[in-house]
């Protein structure tokens, strides 16, 4: 249980041109896993003899997305390039692979596809006002409101004038 100080920072390139100064042990919350970087914020590459480019970054790992997904390269050759890249990035960051996309027009729940590009100009516009009017101004809602107002009026009359009796 003794505290060991962190000797390196994230050093990812920020939009301002500066390097990220956060000193986290293994993962920066903004830039992900802490890797070896040069003085310009670019990920450092290994030298030809296999050693790290700087001795202070010996305890850090270099993560290459193409190496991380080399086991699934055979099965992903049928996927489009952007899906391959998305899968490699997900595995490099330790996220689950994104689910396979459904093709359009397949079986399943959802709205049936309409004919493309055709719009019914005579159809009523489905605006917020129209949707609210359909609920508020329907026959049963108006009947409920009328009954409630009649009951309130009757109760008010009974309260005010219930004790007026004419004995003639």
Protein backbone atom coordinates (compact mmCIF):
# COMPACT_ATOMS: atom_id res chain seq x y z
CA UNK A 1 0.00 0.00 0.00
CA UNK A 2 2.41 2.80 -0.70
CA UNK A 3 1.76 5.50 -3.30
CA UNK A 4 3.77 5.27 -6.50
CA UNK A 5 3.85 8.54 -8.43
CA UNK A 6 2.94 8.52 -12.13
CA UNK A 7 6.00 9.38 -14.23
CA UNK A 8 4.35 10.09 -17.59
CA UNK A 9 1.35 11.95 -18.98
CA UNK A 10 -1.16 11.17 -21.73
CA UNK A 11 0.54 13.50 -24.25
CA UNK A 12 -2.23 13.15 -26.86
CA UNK A 13 -2.39 16.07 -29.29
CA UNK A 14 -5.14 18.54 -28.36
CA UNK A 15 -6.98 20.77 -30.89
CA UNK A 16 -5.09 23.78 -29.53
CA UNK A 17 -1.79 22.16 -30.58
CA UNK A 18 -0.71 21.44 -27.02
CA UNK A 19 -0.28 17.98 -25.51
CA UNK A 20 -2.69 16.50 -22.96
CA UNK A 21 -1.14 17.03 -19.50
CA UNK A 22 -3.23 14.43 -17.63
CA UNK A 23 -1.21 11.98 -15.57
CA UNK A 24 -3.25 8.79 -15.26
CA UNK A 25 -1.85 5.33 -14.60
CA UNK A 26 -3.23 3.38 -17.55
CA UNK A 27 -6.10 5.20 -19.26
CA UNK A 28 -6.82 8.87 -19.96
CA UNK A 29 -10.61 9.46 -19.66
CA UNK A 30 -10.51 11.66 -22.78
CA UNK A 31 -8.03 9.90 -25.06
CA UNK A 32 -8.12 6.24 -23.98
CA UNK A 33 -5.21 3.95 -23.20
CA UNK A 34 -1.94 5.76 -22.48
CA UNK A 35 0.64 4.87 -25.11
CA UNK A 36 4.17 5.99 -25.88
CA UNK A 37 4.16 9.29 -27.81
CA UNK A 38 6.87 11.53 -29.19
CA UNK A 39 7.29 15.25 -28.40
CA UNK A 40 4.66 16.14 -31.05
CA UNK A 41 1.95 13.85 -29.61
CA UNK A 42 2.22 11.22 -32.34
CA UNK A 43 2.29 7.56 -31.24
CA UNK A 44 5.90 6.38 -31.09
CA UNK A 45 6.89 3.46 -33.33
CA UNK A 46 9.32 0.70 -32.43
CA UNK A 47 12.88 0.91 -33.76
CA UNK A 48 14.25 -1.65 -36.22
CA UNK A 49 16.11 -3.52 -33.44
CA UNK A 50 12.82 -3.98 -31.49
CA UNK A 51 13.52 -1.49 -28.68
CA UNK A 52 11.31 1.40 -27.69
CA UNK A 53 12.09 4.85 -29.08
CA UNK A 54 12.60 6.30 -25.58
CA UNK A 55 13.66 4.62 -22.36
CA UNK A 56 11.13 6.48 -20.19
CA UNK A 57 8.23 4.86 -22.03
CA UNK A 58 9.39 1.28 -21.52
CA UNK A 59 6.48 0.49 -19.21
CA UNK A 60 3.89 1.76 -21.71
CA UNK A 61 2.38 -0.39 -24.44
CA UNK A 62 1.95 0.40 -28.10
CA UNK A 63 -1.41 -0.70 -29.42
CA UNK A 64 -1.84 -1.33 -33.12
CA UNK A 65 -5.44 -1.83 -34.26
CA UNK A 66 -4.42 -3.97 -37.24
CA UNK A 67 -2.57 -6.44 -34.96
CA UNK A 68 -5.44 -6.64 -32.49
CA UNK A 69 -7.91 -7.89 -35.09
CA UNK A 70 -5.59 -10.12 -37.14
CA UNK A 71 -7.42 -13.19 -35.83
CA UNK A 72 -10.71 -12.04 -37.35
CA UNK A 73 -9.19 -10.89 -40.65
CA UNK A 74 -10.36 -13.96 -42.55
CA UNK A 75 -14.00 -13.57 -41.59
CA UNK A 76 -14.11 -9.80 -42.06
CA UNK A 77 -12.82 -9.82 -45.65
CA UNK A 78 -16.41 -9.90 -46.92
CA UNK A 79 -17.33 -6.79 -44.92
CA UNK A 80 -16.99 -3.28 -46.38
CA UNK A 81 -13.90 -1.31 -45.42
CA UNK A 82 -15.69 1.01 -42.99
CA UNK A 83 -17.13 -1.96 -41.07
CA UNK A 84 -13.66 -3.52 -40.84
CA UNK A 85 -12.22 -0.25 -39.50
CA UNK A 86 -15.11 0.10 -37.04
CA UNK A 87 -14.50 -3.44 -35.76
CA UNK A 88 -10.73 -2.89 -35.40
CA UNK A 89 -11.23 0.33 -33.45
CA UNK A 90 -13.79 -1.36 -31.19
CA UNK A 91 -11.44 -4.25 -30.40
CA UNK A 92 -8.47 -1.90 -29.88
CA UNK A 93 -10.48 0.13 -27.34
CA UNK A 94 -11.76 -3.01 -25.63
CA UNK A 95 -15.38 -2.42 -26.67
CA UNK A 96 -17.70 -5.14 -27.93
CA UNK A 97 -17.92 -5.41 -31.70
CA UNK A 98 -20.79 -3.40 -33.19
CA UNK A 99 -23.83 -5.50 -34.11
CA UNK A 100 -24.31 -6.47 -37.74
CA UNK A 101 -26.48 -4.04 -39.65
CA UNK A 102 -29.84 -5.28 -40.95
CA UNK A 103 -30.46 -5.01 -44.65
CA UNK A 104 -33.37 -2.85 -45.71
CA UNK A 105 -36.53 -4.64 -46.76
CA UNK A 106 -35.85 -7.70 -44.59
CA UNK A 107 -38.35 -9.39 -42.32
CA UNK A 108 -38.95 -7.88 -38.93
CA UNK A 109 -40.89 -5.22 -37.13
CA UNK A 110 -40.97 -1.70 -38.40
CA UNK A 111 -42.72 0.55 -40.84
CA UNK A 112 -43.14 -0.87 -44.33
CA UNK A 113 -41.19 1.01 -46.93
CA UNK A 114 -43.14 3.46 -49.07
CA UNK A 115 -42.57 4.12 -52.70
CA UNK A 116 -39.42 6.23 -52.98
CA UNK A 117 -39.66 9.96 -53.53
CA UNK A 118 -43.45 10.21 -53.84
CA UNK A 119 -45.31 12.52 -51.47
CA UNK A 120 -49.08 12.76 -51.14
CA UNK A 121 -49.78 16.47 -51.43
CA UNK A 122 -53.45 16.09 -50.46
CA UNK A 123 -52.71 14.31 -47.18
CA UNK A 124 -53.22 16.31 -44.00
CA UNK A 125 -50.01 17.51 -42.42
CA UNK A 126 -49.11 15.61 -39.26
CA UNK A 127 -48.12 18.62 -37.19
CA UNK A 128 -48.03 19.00 -33.43
CA UNK A 129 -51.20 21.08 -33.55
CA UNK A 130 -53.03 18.44 -35.58
CA UNK A 131 -51.98 15.61 -33.24
CA UNK A 132 -53.10 17.55 -30.14
CA UNK A 133 -56.37 18.61 -31.78
CA UNK A 134 -57.14 15.00 -32.63
CA UNK A 135 -56.89 14.06 -28.93
CA UNK A 136 -58.43 17.16 -27.34
CA UNK A 137 -61.26 17.86 -29.77
CA UNK A 138 -62.61 14.35 -30.25
CA UNK A 139 -66.25 13.63 -29.35
CA UNK A 140 -65.69 11.71 -26.13
CA UNK A 141 -63.22 14.26 -24.73
CA UNK A 142 -65.64 17.12 -25.40
CA UNK A 143 -68.46 15.12 -23.77
CA UNK A 144 -66.31 14.52 -20.63
CA UNK A 145 -65.44 18.21 -20.37
CA UNK A 146 -69.08 19.23 -20.84
CA UNK A 147 -70.26 16.81 -18.12
CA UNK A 148 -67.59 18.07 -15.72
CA UNK A 149 -68.51 21.73 -16.33
CA UNK A 150 -72.22 20.95 -15.86
CA UNK A 151 -71.45 19.20 -12.55
CA UNK A 152 -69.38 22.16 -11.34
CA UNK A 153 -72.12 24.61 -12.30
CA UNK A 154 -74.80 22.52 -10.57
CA UNK A 155 -72.74 22.21 -7.40
CA UNK A 156 -72.08 25.95 -7.37
CA UNK A 157 -75.80 26.67 -7.71
CA UNK A 158 -76.65 24.24 -4.91
CA UNK A 159 -74.02 25.80 -2.64
CA UNK A 160 -75.18 29.36 -3.25
CA UNK A 161 -78.91 28.97 -3.54
CA UNK A 162 -79.73 25.62 -1.96
CA UNK A 163 -81.39 27.17 1.11
CA UNK A 164 -83.83 29.49 -0.74
CA UNK A 165 -87.32 28.09 -0.29
CA UNK A 166 -90.54 29.70 -1.45
CA UNK A 167 -93.56 28.77 0.76
CA UNK A 168 -96.32 30.52 -1.15
